[in-house]
Amino acid sequence: MVTIKDIANKSGLAVGTVSRIMNNRGYISEKSKKKVEDAMKELNYQPNLMAQNLSKTSSNLIGVIVPNIEHPYFSTLVSEIESQYRAKGFQTIVMISYEDENNEKELIIECRKNRVFGIILCSENIFSENFETNGIPVISIERFHVNGITSIICDNFQGGKLATLHLINQGCKNLLCICGKGKIDMPADERVKGFNEVALNNNVNHSVQIATYKFYQSMDYEKIIKNALTKNKDIDGIFCTSDVQAMQLISYLSREKILVPKDIKIVGYDDTFVCKWSNPNITSIKQPIKKMVKASIESFIAFKNGENIDQTQVFPVELVARESSAL
């Protein structure tokens, strides 16, 4: 590994001078800067961003804590965060918690050690007291507001309503909602409330099948799907509160020779890339992830400037109609 000492030897300058140039401290002649730049290129030097940040009060690093990256929603979200933050001059550190509280606490410690500019929290286990030191701003995405944390969410209740109304308008008379349930209340739970409200207001037969936390962790919903359809063979419209559920549902129905959308119409949620991979492709409720990530950047900057920030920011959703619900 190339070190600053190697750069100093190559450029003919003192280690202290090289350090000042690399950290942009004090006056340095253009000639000396050029020597260091040439030496770095020749030796293929890769600066250690973590080490540089230890000498600063804060950095351009953003800690991103997610439960996993296998789920299409989180992989899409992380990709958008990395893209937008990089365009604004930030570096992101993606940390996977596996939804283990002890892991999450360790990740917070790592964020503090690296003097991150801010933390984006997408995990449901961490409590607000973990963030109340060192003045690190924290923004959560799709997590309810708790003390001192700005929450950016989509309108999950409206999403549930849109999905259900769409199925009814497509002629469905017996509706099912397949949903997951975490260890604590989450904004996504509002999707089921929207489903129930619209179904009741339209006097439509409806039921809810709850997938417990272990199904969410494994992302294997086939047992839940089979149980729900065995109980009610008259179901003709299903709202899945995630695209992963919807895609597995379509696969199961295909094996059972049940046609989508002729026999059962399906709406998913999140509008992730799997919607276009499925056959038929999936009608889904689209979360405005680009706008939500952009709002997180604006909130971090506002926080650093001492400006007031809305503690909860809610973004509208829309239904993207595709083959899985077509007449």
C-alpha atoms as a PDB file:
ATOM      1  CA  MET A   1       0.000   0.000   0.000  1.00  0.00           C
ATOM      2  CA  VAL A   2       1.310   3.408  -0.993  1.00  0.00           C
ATOM      3  CA  THR A   3       1.695   5.820   1.941  1.00  0.00           C
ATOM      4  CA  ILE A   4       2.139   9.560   2.331  1.00  0.00           C
ATOM      5  CA  LYS A   5       5.796   8.883   3.061  1.00  0.00           C
ATOM      6  CA  ASP A   6       6.137   7.235  -0.364  1.00  0.00           C
ATOM      7  CA  ILE A   7       4.521  10.288  -1.965  1.00  0.00           C
ATOM      8  CA  ALA A   8       6.945  12.538  -0.084  1.00  0.00           C
ATOM      9  CA  ASN A   9       9.974  10.539  -1.223  1.00  0.00           C
ATOM     10  CA  LYS A  10       8.775  10.518  -4.827  1.00  0.00           C
ATOM     11  CA  SER A  11       7.980  14.241  -4.930  1.00  0.00           C
ATOM     12  CA  GLY A  12      11.073  15.320  -2.971  1.00  0.00           C
ATOM     13  CA  LEU A  13       8.964  17.166  -0.407  1.00  0.00           C
ATOM     14  CA  ALA A  14       8.613  16.810   3.351  1.00  0.00           C
ATOM     15  CA  VAL A  15       5.900  14.523   4.726  1.00  0.00           C
ATOM     16  CA  GLY A  16       4.312  17.501   6.499  1.00  0.00           C
ATOM     17  CA  THR A  17       4.139  19.460   3.260  1.00  0.00           C
ATOM     18  CA  VAL A  18       2.519  16.536   1.439  1.00  0.00           C
ATOM     19  CA  SER A  19       0.006  16.164   4.263  1.00  0.00           C
ATOM     20  CA  ARG A  20      -0.950  19.852   4.060  1.00  0.00           C
ATOM     21  CA  ILE A  21      -1.428  19.596   0.308  1.00  0.00           C
ATOM     22  CA  MET A  22      -3.577  16.474   0.561  1.00  0.00           C
ATOM     23  CA  ASN A  23      -5.737  18.051   3.262  1.00  0.00           C
ATOM     24  CA  ASN A  24      -5.781  21.497   1.622  1.00  0.00           C
ATOM     25  CA  ARG A  25      -4.401  23.293   4.700  1.00  0.00           C
ATOM     26  CA  GLY A  26      -2.380  26.491   4.557  1.00  0.00           C
ATOM     27  CA  TYR A  27      -0.630  28.114   1.620  1.00  0.00           C
ATOM     28  CA  ILE A  28       1.196  25.768  -0.733  1.00  0.00           C
ATOM     29  CA  SER A  29       2.825  26.772  -4.010  1.00  0.00           C
ATOM     30  CA  GLU A  30       1.346  25.494  -7.248  1.00  0.00           C
ATOM     31  CA  LYS A  31       4.720  23.947  -8.079  1.00  0.00           C
ATOM     32  CA  SER A  32       4.637  21.813  -4.918  1.00  0.00           C
ATOM     33  CA  LYS A  33       1.014  20.826  -5.538  1.00  0.00           C
ATOM     34  CA  LYS A  34       1.958  19.698  -9.031  1.00  0.00           C
ATOM     35  CA  LYS A  35       4.811  17.542  -7.678  1.00  0.00           C
ATOM     36  CA  VAL A  36       2.457  15.810  -5.268  1.00  0.00           C
ATOM     37  CA  GLU A  37      -0.234  15.270  -7.902  1.00  0.00           C
ATOM     38  CA  ASP A  38       2.310  13.770 -10.304  1.00  0.00           C
ATOM     39  CA  ALA A  39       3.710  11.505  -7.598  1.00  0.00           C
ATOM     40  CA  MET A  40       0.219  10.317  -6.618  1.00  0.00           C
ATOM     41  CA  LYS A  41      -0.618   9.471 -10.220  1.00  0.00           C
ATOM     42  CA  GLU A  42       2.658   7.684 -10.823  1.00  0.00           C
ATOM     43  CA  LEU A  43       2.328   5.592  -7.666  1.00  0.00           C
ATOM     44  CA  ASN A  44      -1.420   5.072  -8.183  1.00  0.00           C
ATOM     45  CA  TYR A  45      -2.116   6.384  -4.689  1.00  0.00           C
ATOM     46  CA  GLN A  46      -5.655   5.893  -3.375  1.00  0.00           C
ATOM     47  CA  PRO A  47      -6.426   8.226  -0.446  1.00  0.00           C
ATOM     48  CA  ASN A  48      -7.919   6.715   2.674  1.00  0.00           C
ATOM     49  CA  LEU A  49     -11.125   8.701   3.087  1.00  0.00           C
ATOM     50  CA  MET A  50     -11.771   7.264   6.541  1.00  0.00           C
ATOM     51  CA  ALA A  51      -8.380   8.345   7.824  1.00  0.00           C
ATOM     52  CA  GLN A  52      -8.789  11.816   6.377  1.00  0.00           C
ATOM     53  CA  ASN A  53     -12.118  12.219   8.131  1.00  0.00           C
ATOM     54  CA  LEU A  54     -10.580  11.561  11.554  1.00  0.00           C
ATOM     55  CA  SER A  55      -8.911  14.952  11.398  1.00  0.00           C
ATOM     56  CA  LYS A  56     -12.168  16.787  10.688  1.00  0.00           C
ATOM     57  CA  THR A  57     -15.097  17.801  12.890  1.00  0.00           C
ATOM     58  CA  SER A  58     -17.398  16.254  10.280  1.00  0.00           C
ATOM     59  CA  SER A  59     -16.953  14.917   6.786  1.00  0.00           C
ATOM     60  CA  ASN A  60     -18.688  14.466   3.477  1.00  0.00           C
ATOM     61  CA  LEU A  61     -19.589  10.909   4.476  1.00  0.00           C
ATOM     62  CA  ILE A  62     -23.195   9.763   4.794  1.00  0.00           C
ATOM     63  CA  GLY A  63     -23.891   6.595   6.765  1.00  0.00           C
ATOM     64  CA  VAL A  64     -26.744   4.576   5.264  1.00  0.00           C
ATOM     65  CA  ILE A  65     -28.149   1.849   7.528  1.00  0.00           C
ATOM     66  CA  VAL A  66     -30.423  -0.684   5.841  1.00  0.00           C
ATOM     67  CA  PRO A  67     -31.707  -4.058   7.071  1.00  0.00           C
ATOM     68  CA  ASN A  68     -30.579  -5.811   3.875  1.00  0.00           C
ATOM     69  CA  ILE A  69     -29.859  -5.151   0.223  1.00  0.00           C
ATOM     70  CA  GLU A  70     -31.397  -8.342  -1.164  1.00  0.00           C
ATOM     71  CA  HIS A  71     -34.882  -6.838  -1.071  1.00  0.00           C
ATOM     72  CA  PRO A  72     -35.572  -4.949  -4.320  1.00  0.00           C
ATOM     73  CA  TYR A  73     -36.885  -1.905  -2.444  1.00  0.00           C
ATOM     74  CA  PHE A  74     -33.687  -1.444  -0.432  1.00  0.00           C
ATOM     75  CA  SER A  75     -31.383  -2.125  -3.370  1.00  0.00           C
ATOM     76  CA  THR A  76     -33.281   0.475  -5.413  1.00  0.00           C
ATOM     77  CA  LEU A  77     -33.220   2.961  -2.545  1.00  0.00           C
ATOM     78  CA  VAL A  78     -29.495   2.507  -1.864  1.00  0.00           C
ATOM     79  CA  SER A  79     -28.691   2.929  -5.555  1.00  0.00           C
ATOM     80  CA  GLU A  80     -30.636   6.190  -5.694  1.00  0.00           C
ATOM     81  CA  ILE A  81     -29.026   7.477  -2.498  1.00  0.00           C
ATOM     82  CA  GLU A  82     -25.537   6.735  -3.795  1.00  0.00           C
ATOM     83  CA  SER A  83     -26.245   8.398  -7.135  1.00  0.00           C
ATOM     84  CA  GLN A  84     -27.808  11.594  -5.812  1.00  0.00           C
ATOM     85  CA  TYR A  85     -25.398  12.082  -2.913  1.00  0.00           C
ATOM     86  CA  ARG A  86     -22.358  11.490  -5.114  1.00  0.00           C
ATOM     87  CA  ALA A  87     -23.638  14.158  -7.507  1.00  0.00           C
ATOM     88  CA  LYS A  88     -23.689  16.564  -4.542  1.00  0.00           C
ATOM     89  CA  GLY A  89     -20.114  15.726  -3.502  1.00  0.00           C
ATOM     90  CA  PHE A  90     -20.903  13.231  -0.740  1.00  0.00           C
ATOM     91  CA  GLN A  91     -19.539   9.732  -0.159  1.00  0.00           C
ATOM     92  CA  THR A  92     -21.887   7.041   1.155  1.00  0.00           C
ATOM     93  CA  ILE A  93     -21.114   4.174   3.514  1.00  0.00           C
ATOM     94  CA  VAL A  94     -23.766   1.470   3.210  1.00  0.00           C
ATOM     95  CA  MET A  95     -24.130  -0.563   6.387  1.00  0.00           C
ATOM     96  CA  ILE A  96     -26.286  -3.692   6.668  1.00  0.00           C
ATOM     97  CA  SER A  97     -27.888  -4.246  10.057  1.00  0.00           C
ATOM     98  CA  TYR A  98     -29.706  -7.526   9.363  1.00  0.00           C
ATOM     99  CA  GLU A  99     -32.281  -5.999  11.722  1.00  0.00           C
ATOM    100  CA  ASP A 100     -30.251  -6.985  14.746  1.00  0.00           C
ATOM    101  CA  GLU A 101     -30.337  -4.343  17.466  1.00  0.00           C
ATOM    102  CA  ASN A 102     -26.786  -5.033  18.647  1.00  0.00           C
ATOM    103  CA  ASN A 103     -25.485  -4.770  15.082  1.00  0.00           C
ATOM    104  CA  GLU A 104     -27.308  -1.496  14.652  1.00  0.00           C
ATOM    105  CA  LYS A 105     -25.785  -0.003  17.774  1.00  0.00           C
ATOM    106  CA  GLU A 106     -22.317  -0.963  16.526  1.00  0.00           C
ATOM    107  CA  LEU A 107     -23.052   0.686  13.185  1.00  0.00           C
ATOM    108  CA  ILE A 108     -24.000   3.920  14.951  1.00  0.00           C
ATOM    109  CA  ILE A 109     -20.682   3.818  16.798  1.00  0.00           C
ATOM    110  CA  GLU A 110     -18.884   3.375  13.468  1.00  0.00           C
ATOM    111  CA  CYS A 111     -20.715   6.364  12.051  1.00  0.00           C
ATOM    112  CA  ARG A 112     -19.596   8.460  14.997  1.00  0.00           C
ATOM    113  CA  LYS A 113     -15.996   7.283  14.713  1.00  0.00           C
ATOM    114  CA  ASN A 114     -15.933   8.306  11.071  1.00  0.00           C
ATOM    115  CA  ARG A 115     -17.518  11.686  11.889  1.00  0.00           C
ATOM    116  CA  VAL A 116     -20.200  11.294   9.267  1.00  0.00           C
ATOM    117  CA  PHE A 117     -22.042  14.327   7.970  1.00  0.00           C
ATOM    118  CA  GLY A 118     -25.325  12.538   8.619  1.00  0.00           C
ATOM    119  CA  ILE A 119     -27.073   9.182   8.938  1.00  0.00           C
ATOM    120  CA  ILE A 120     -29.878   7.798   6.784  1.00  0.00           C
ATOM    121  CA  LEU A 121     -31.814   5.242   8.782  1.00  0.00           C
ATOM    122  CA  CYS A 122     -33.911   2.585   7.046  1.00  0.00           C
ATOM    123  CA  SER A 123     -34.026   0.072   9.900  1.00  0.00           C
ATOM    124  CA  GLU A 124     -36.864  -0.343  12.353  1.00  0.00           C
ATOM    125  CA  ASN A 125     -35.005  -1.383  15.512  1.00  0.00           C
ATOM    126  CA  ILE A 126     -32.882   1.635  16.421  1.00  0.00           C
ATOM    127  CA  PHE A 127     -34.301   3.977  19.020  1.00  0.00           C
ATOM    128  CA  SER A 128     -33.831   7.735  19.165  1.00  0.00           C
ATOM    129  CA  GLU A 129     -31.502   7.776  22.168  1.00  0.00           C
ATOM    130  CA  ASN A 130     -28.780   6.302  19.981  1.00  0.00           C
ATOM    131  CA  PHE A 131     -28.666   9.537  18.014  1.00  0.00           C
ATOM    132  CA  GLU A 132     -28.759  12.200  20.685  1.00  0.00           C
ATOM    133  CA  THR A 133     -25.014  12.789  20.967  1.00  0.00           C
ATOM    134  CA  ASN A 134     -22.414  14.498  18.824  1.00  0.00           C
ATOM    135  CA  GLY A 135     -25.007  16.507  16.930  1.00  0.00           C
ATOM    136  CA  ILE A 136     -25.168  14.083  13.998  1.00  0.00           C
ATOM    137  CA  PRO A 137     -28.360  14.725  12.020  1.00  0.00           C
ATOM    138  CA  VAL A 138     -30.434  11.621  11.334  1.00  0.00           C
ATOM    139  CA  ILE A 139     -33.063  11.178   8.642  1.00  0.00           C
ATOM    140  CA  SER A 140     -35.232   8.089   8.454  1.00  0.00           C
ATOM    141  CA  ILE A 141     -36.901   6.824   5.294  1.00  0.00           C
ATOM    142  CA  GLU A 142     -40.156   4.888   5.623  1.00  0.00           C
ATOM    143  CA  ARG A 143     -39.992   4.890   9.406  1.00  0.00           C
ATOM    144  CA  PHE A 144     -42.270   6.782  11.821  1.00  0.00           C
ATOM    145  CA  HIS A 145     -40.968   9.988  13.381  1.00  0.00           C
ATOM    146  CA  VAL A 146     -39.326   9.635  16.790  1.00  0.00           C
ATOM    147  CA  ASN A 147     -37.580  12.240  18.930  1.00  0.00           C
ATOM    148  CA  GLY A 148     -34.981  14.239  17.044  1.00  0.00           C
ATOM    149  CA  ILE A 149     -35.213  12.274  13.798  1.00  0.00           C
ATOM    150  CA  THR A 150     -36.681  13.684  10.599  1.00  0.00           C
ATOM    151  CA  SER A 151     -38.933  11.148   8.889  1.00  0.00           C
ATOM    152  CA  ILE A 152     -39.409  10.976   5.116  1.00  0.00           C
ATOM    153  CA  ILE A 153     -42.247   8.685   4.083  1.00  0.00           C
ATOM    154  CA  CYS A 154     -44.600   8.092   1.192  1.00  0.00           C
ATOM    155  CA  ASP A 155     -48.370   8.319   1.633  1.00  0.00           C
ATOM    156  CA  ASN A 156     -48.860   4.651   2.463  1.00  0.00           C
ATOM    157  CA  PHE A 157     -52.506   5.066   3.420  1.00  0.00           C
ATOM    158  CA  GLN A 158     -53.300   6.657   0.066  1.00  0.00           C
ATOM    159  CA  GLY A 159     -51.332   3.902  -1.652  1.00  0.00           C
ATOM    160  CA  GLY A 160     -53.534   1.252  -0.084  1.00  0.00           C
ATOM    161  CA  LYS A 161     -56.623   3.157  -1.165  1.00  0.00           C
ATOM    162  CA  LEU A 162     -55.412   3.557  -4.751  1.00  0.00           C
ATOM    163  CA  ALA A 163     -54.583  -0.137  -5.086  1.00  0.00           C
ATOM    164  CA  THR A 164     -57.949  -1.258  -3.707  1.00  0.00           C
ATOM    165  CA  LEU A 165     -60.011   1.192  -5.716  1.00  0.00           C
ATOM    166  CA  HIS A 166     -58.185   0.099  -8.867  1.00  0.00           C
ATOM    167  CA  LEU A 167     -59.042  -3.566  -8.249  1.00  0.00           C
ATOM    168  CA  ILE A 168     -62.684  -2.670  -7.625  1.00  0.00           C
ATOM    169  CA  ASN A 169     -62.812  -0.590 -10.802  1.00  0.00           C
ATOM    170  CA  GLN A 170     -61.395  -3.578 -12.671  1.00  0.00           C
ATOM    171  CA  GLY A 171     -64.431  -5.588 -11.583  1.00  0.00           C
ATOM    172  CA  CYS A 172     -63.092  -7.469  -8.539  1.00  0.00           C
ATOM    173  CA  LYS A 173     -65.704  -8.540  -5.980  1.00  0.00           C
ATOM    174  CA  ASN A 174     -63.688 -10.585  -3.465  1.00  0.00           C
ATOM    175  CA  LEU A 175     -60.490  -8.920  -2.337  1.00  0.00           C
ATOM    176  CA  LEU A 176     -57.487 -10.100  -0.369  1.00  0.00           C
ATOM    177  CA  CYS A 177     -54.619  -8.051   1.054  1.00  0.00           C
ATOM    178  CA  ILE A 178     -51.337  -9.855   1.731  1.00  0.00           C
ATOM    179  CA  CYS A 179     -49.187  -7.818   4.091  1.00  0.00           C
ATOM    180  CA  GLY A 180     -46.101  -8.164   6.257  1.00  0.00           C
ATOM    181  CA  LYS A 181     -45.827  -7.179   9.892  1.00  0.00           C
ATOM    182  CA  GLY A 182     -42.601  -6.093  11.572  1.00  0.00           C
ATOM    183  CA  LYS A 183     -41.662  -6.063  15.240  1.00  0.00           C
ATOM    184  CA  ILE A 184     -42.873  -2.478  15.694  1.00  0.00           C
ATOM    185  CA  ASP A 185     -45.443  -0.285  13.941  1.00  0.00           C
ATOM    186  CA  MET A 186     -44.162   0.997  10.601  1.00  0.00           C
ATOM    187  CA  PRO A 187     -45.546   3.426   7.994  1.00  0.00           C
ATOM    188  CA  ALA A 188     -46.139   0.481   5.630  1.00  0.00           C
ATOM    189  CA  ASP A 189     -48.849  -0.741   8.019  1.00  0.00           C
ATOM    190  CA  GLU A 190     -50.992   2.155   6.769  1.00  0.00           C
ATOM    191  CA  ARG A 191     -51.334   0.394   3.397  1.00  0.00           C
ATOM    192  CA  VAL A 192     -53.636  -2.179   4.976  1.00  0.00           C
ATOM    193  CA  LYS A 193     -55.739   0.553   6.601  1.00  0.00           C
ATOM    194  CA  GLY A 194     -56.260   2.159   3.197  1.00  0.00           C
ATOM    195  CA  PHE A 195     -57.252  -1.225   1.761  1.00  0.00           C
ATOM    196  CA  ASN A 196     -59.818  -1.847   4.503  1.00  0.00           C
ATOM    197  CA  GLU A 197     -61.341   1.631   4.259  1.00  0.00           C
ATOM    198  CA  VAL A 198     -61.976   1.473   0.510  1.00  0.00           C
ATOM    199  CA  ALA A 199     -63.278  -2.106   0.624  1.00  0.00           C
ATOM    200  CA  LEU A 200     -65.702  -1.244   3.441  1.00  0.00           C
ATOM    201  CA  ASN A 201     -66.895   1.965   1.766  1.00  0.00           C
ATOM    202  CA  ASN A 202     -67.631   0.010  -1.412  1.00  0.00           C
ATOM    203  CA  ASN A 203     -69.272  -2.965   0.336  1.00  0.00           C
ATOM    204  CA  VAL A 204     -66.779  -5.387  -1.166  1.00  0.00           C
ATOM    205  CA  ASN A 205     -65.916  -8.722   0.446  1.00  0.00           C
ATOM    206  CA  HIS A 206     -62.365  -8.511   1.721  1.00  0.00           C
ATOM    207  CA  SER A 207     -59.860 -10.156   4.042  1.00  0.00           C
ATOM    208  CA  VAL A 208     -56.282  -9.624   5.195  1.00  0.00           C
ATOM    209  CA  GLN A 209     -53.553 -12.244   5.364  1.00  0.00           C
ATOM    210  CA  ILE A 210     -50.676 -11.146   7.617  1.00  0.00           C
ATOM    211  CA  ALA A 211     -47.191 -12.500   7.009  1.00  0.00           C
ATOM    212  CA  THR A 212     -45.251 -12.558  10.266  1.00  0.00           C
ATOM    213  CA  TYR A 213     -41.763 -11.155  10.675  1.00  0.00           C
ATOM    214  CA  LYS A 214     -40.021 -14.422   9.805  1.00  0.00           C
ATOM    215  CA  PHE A 215     -41.601 -14.386   6.336  1.00  0.00           C
ATOM    216  CA  TYR A 216     -40.391 -10.833   5.789  1.00  0.00           C
ATOM    217  CA  GLN A 217     -36.862 -11.837   6.783  1.00  0.00           C
ATOM    218  CA  SER A 218     -36.774 -14.815   4.444  1.00  0.00           C
ATOM    219  CA  MET A 219     -38.786 -13.094   1.687  1.00  0.00           C
ATOM    220  CA  ASP A 220     -40.519 -16.440   1.153  1.00  0.00           C
ATOM    221  CA  TYR A 221     -44.286 -15.920   1.162  1.00  0.00           C
ATOM    222  CA  GLU A 222     -45.497 -19.102  -0.578  1.00  0.00           C
ATOM    223  CA  LYS A 223     -46.929 -20.701   2.568  1.00  0.00           C
ATOM    224  CA  ILE A 224     -48.887 -17.524   3.356  1.00  0.00           C
ATOM    225  CA  ILE A 225     -50.149 -17.305  -0.223  1.00  0.00           C
ATOM    226  CA  LYS A 226     -51.229 -20.945  -0.306  1.00  0.00           C
ATOM    227  CA  ASN A 227     -53.070 -20.696   3.016  1.00  0.00           C
ATOM    228  CA  ALA A 228     -54.928 -17.552   1.964  1.00  0.00           C
ATOM    229  CA  LEU A 229     -56.092 -18.934  -1.372  1.00  0.00           C
ATOM    230  CA  THR A 230     -57.066 -22.283   0.140  1.00  0.00           C
ATOM    231  CA  LYS A 231     -59.348 -20.525   2.631  1.00  0.00           C
ATOM    232  CA  ASN A 232     -61.092 -18.426  -0.001  1.00  0.00           C
ATOM    233  CA  LYS A 233     -61.341 -19.816  -3.506  1.00  0.00           C
ATOM    234  CA  ASP A 234     -63.546 -16.917  -4.658  1.00  0.00           C
ATOM    235  CA  ILE A 235     -60.774 -14.315  -4.443  1.00  0.00           C
ATOM    236  CA  ASP A 236     -60.506 -12.391  -7.709  1.00  0.00           C
ATOM    237  CA  GLY A 237     -58.345  -9.422  -6.666  1.00  0.00           C
ATOM    238  CA  ILE A 238     -55.251  -9.289  -4.465  1.00  0.00           C
ATOM    239  CA  PHE A 239     -53.332  -6.293  -3.123  1.00  0.00           C
ATOM    240  CA  CYS A 240     -49.803  -7.228  -2.056  1.00  0.00           C
ATOM    241  CA  THR A 241     -48.071  -4.648   0.115  1.00  0.00           C
ATOM    242  CA  SER A 242     -44.736  -5.322  -1.612  1.00  0.00           C
ATOM    243  CA  ASP A 243     -43.656  -6.261  -5.133  1.00  0.00           C
ATOM    244  CA  VAL A 244     -41.769  -9.270  -3.753  1.00  0.00           C
ATOM    245  CA  GLN A 245     -45.050 -10.713  -2.497  1.00  0.00           C
ATOM    246  CA  ALA A 246     -46.745  -9.945  -5.816  1.00  0.00           C
ATOM    247  CA  MET A 247     -44.032 -11.617  -7.873  1.00  0.00           C
ATOM    248  CA  GLN A 248     -44.132 -14.772  -5.716  1.00  0.00           C
ATOM    249  CA  LEU A 249     -47.917 -14.764  -5.918  1.00  0.00           C
ATOM    250  CA  ILE A 250     -47.827 -14.699  -9.720  1.00  0.00           C
ATOM    251  CA  SER A 251     -45.320 -17.550  -9.750  1.00  0.00           C
ATOM    252  CA  TYR A 252     -47.504 -19.634  -7.421  1.00  0.00           C
ATOM    253  CA  LEU A 253     -50.673 -18.978  -9.439  1.00  0.00           C
ATOM    254  CA  SER A 254     -48.884 -19.957 -12.631  1.00  0.00           C
ATOM    255  CA  ARG A 255     -47.965 -23.355 -11.145  1.00  0.00           C
ATOM    256  CA  GLU A 256     -51.574 -23.799 -10.033  1.00  0.00           C
ATOM    257  CA  LYS A 257     -52.837 -22.980 -13.563  1.00  0.00           C
ATOM    258  CA  ILE A 258     -54.664 -19.890 -12.266  1.00  0.00           C
ATOM    259  CA  LEU A 259     -54.509 -17.120 -14.851  1.00  0.00           C
ATOM    260  CA  VAL A 260     -53.447 -13.551 -14.105  1.00  0.00           C
ATOM    261  CA  PRO A 261     -55.275 -11.240 -14.718  1.00  0.00           C
ATOM    262  CA  LYS A 262     -58.187 -13.310 -16.097  1.00  0.00           C
ATOM    263  CA  ASP A 263     -58.891 -15.242 -12.886  1.00  0.00           C
ATOM    264  CA  ILE A 264     -57.154 -13.036 -10.305  1.00  0.00           C
ATOM    265  CA  LYS A 265     -55.979  -9.460 -10.667  1.00  0.00           C
ATOM    266  CA  ILE A 266     -52.948  -8.301  -8.691  1.00  0.00           C
ATOM    267  CA  VAL A 267     -51.494  -4.989  -7.488  1.00  0.00           C
ATOM    268  CA  GLY A 268     -48.116  -4.731  -5.762  1.00  0.00           C
ATOM    269  CA  TYR A 269     -46.368  -1.918  -3.913  1.00  0.00           C
ATOM    270  CA  ASP A 270     -43.081   0.022  -4.374  1.00  0.00           C
ATOM    271  CA  ASP A 271     -42.867  -0.252  -8.199  1.00  0.00           C
ATOM    272  CA  THR A 272     -39.393  -1.783  -8.068  1.00  0.00           C
ATOM    273  CA  PHE A 273     -37.544  -3.297 -11.026  1.00  0.00           C
ATOM    274  CA  VAL A 274     -39.085  -6.740 -10.431  1.00  0.00           C
ATOM    275  CA  CYS A 275     -42.421  -5.418 -11.729  1.00  0.00           C
ATOM    276  CA  LYS A 276     -41.113  -5.419 -15.288  1.00  0.00           C
ATOM    277  CA  TRP A 277     -39.360  -8.782 -14.876  1.00  0.00           C
ATOM    278  CA  SER A 278     -42.509 -10.630 -13.912  1.00  0.00           C
ATOM    279  CA  ASN A 279     -44.752 -12.317 -16.478  1.00  0.00           C
ATOM    280  CA  PRO A 280     -47.272 -10.787 -16.562  1.00  0.00           C
ATOM    281  CA  ASN A 281     -45.605  -7.608 -15.369  1.00  0.00           C
ATOM    282  CA  ILE A 282     -46.966  -6.119 -12.183  1.00  0.00           C
ATOM    283  CA  THR A 283     -49.296  -3.202 -11.572  1.00  0.00           C
ATOM    284  CA  SER A 284     -47.819  -1.425  -8.557  1.00  0.00           C
ATOM    285  CA  ILE A 285     -47.997   1.629  -6.314  1.00  0.00           C
ATOM    286  CA  LYS A 286     -44.984   3.772  -7.102  1.00  0.00           C
ATOM    287  CA  GLN A 287     -43.032   5.331  -4.270  1.00  0.00           C
ATOM    288  CA  PRO A 288     -41.363   8.602  -5.381  1.00  0.00           C
ATOM    289  CA  ILE A 289     -37.925   7.412  -4.268  1.00  0.00           C
ATOM    290  CA  LYS A 290     -36.033  10.030  -6.281  1.00  0.00           C
ATOM    291  CA  LYS A 291     -37.984  12.864  -4.627  1.00  0.00           C
ATOM    292  CA  MET A 292     -37.654  11.317  -1.180  1.00  0.00           C
ATOM    293  CA  VAL A 293     -33.875  10.994  -1.499  1.00  0.00           C
ATOM    294  CA  LYS A 294     -33.622  14.555  -2.823  1.00  0.00           C
ATOM    295  CA  ALA A 295     -35.600  15.748   0.205  1.00  0.00           C
ATOM    296  CA  SER A 296     -33.153  13.960   2.513  1.00  0.00           C
ATOM    297  CA  ILE A 297     -30.228  15.868   0.982  1.00  0.00           C
ATOM    298  CA  GLU A 298     -32.056  19.173   1.338  1.00  0.00           C
ATOM    299  CA  SER A 299     -32.894  18.356   4.961  1.00  0.00           C
ATOM    300  CA  PHE A 300     -29.278  17.563   5.850  1.00  0.00           C
ATOM    301  CA  ILE A 301     -28.085  20.821   4.338  1.00  0.00           C
ATOM    302  CA  ALA A 302     -30.845  22.771   6.088  1.00  0.00           C
ATOM    303  CA  PHE A 303     -29.904  21.169   9.401  1.00  0.00           C
ATOM    304  CA  LYS A 304     -26.269  22.195   9.023  1.00  0.00           C
ATOM    305  CA  ASN A 305     -27.376  25.742   8.162  1.00  0.00           C
ATOM    306  CA  GLY A 306     -29.451  25.941  11.336  1.00  0.00           C
ATOM    307  CA  GLU A 307     -32.753  26.066   9.467  1.00  0.00           C
ATOM    308  CA  ASN A 308     -36.029  24.546  10.633  1.00  0.00           C
ATOM    309  CA  ILE A 309     -36.892  21.157   9.165  1.00  0.00           C
ATOM    310  CA  ASP A 310     -40.313  19.503   8.978  1.00  0.00           C
ATOM    311  CA  GLN A 311     -40.137  16.528  11.321  1.00  0.00           C
ATOM    312  CA  THR A 312     -42.311  14.428   9.007  1.00  0.00           C
ATOM    313  CA  GLN A 313     -42.337  14.826   5.241  1.00  0.00           C
ATOM    314  CA  VAL A 314     -44.986  12.863   3.338  1.00  0.00           C
ATOM    315  CA  PHE A 315     -44.792  12.319  -0.415  1.00  0.00           C
ATOM    316  CA  PRO A 316     -47.716  11.305  -2.661  1.00  0.00           C
ATOM    317  CA  VAL A 317     -47.756   7.984  -4.473  1.00  0.00           C
ATOM    318  CA  GLU A 318     -49.261   6.910  -7.790  1.00  0.00           C
ATOM    319  CA  LEU A 319     -50.561   3.716  -9.334  1.00  0.00           C
ATOM    320  CA  VAL A 320     -48.686   2.374 -12.353  1.00  0.00           C
ATOM    321  CA  ALA A 321     -51.057   0.075 -14.258  1.00  0.00           C
ATOM    322  CA  ARG A 322     -49.585  -2.969 -16.011  1.00  0.00           C
ATOM    323  CA  GLU A 323     -50.667  -6.410 -17.192  1.00  0.00           C
ATOM    324  CA  SER A 324     -51.318  -8.048 -13.804  1.00  0.00           C
ATOM    325  CA  SER A 325     -54.551  -6.065 -13.324  1.00  0.00           C
ATOM    326  CA  ALA A 326     -55.632  -5.488 -16.942  1.00  0.00           C
ATOM    327  CA  LEU A 327     -59.164  -6.372 -17.979  1.00  0.00           C
END
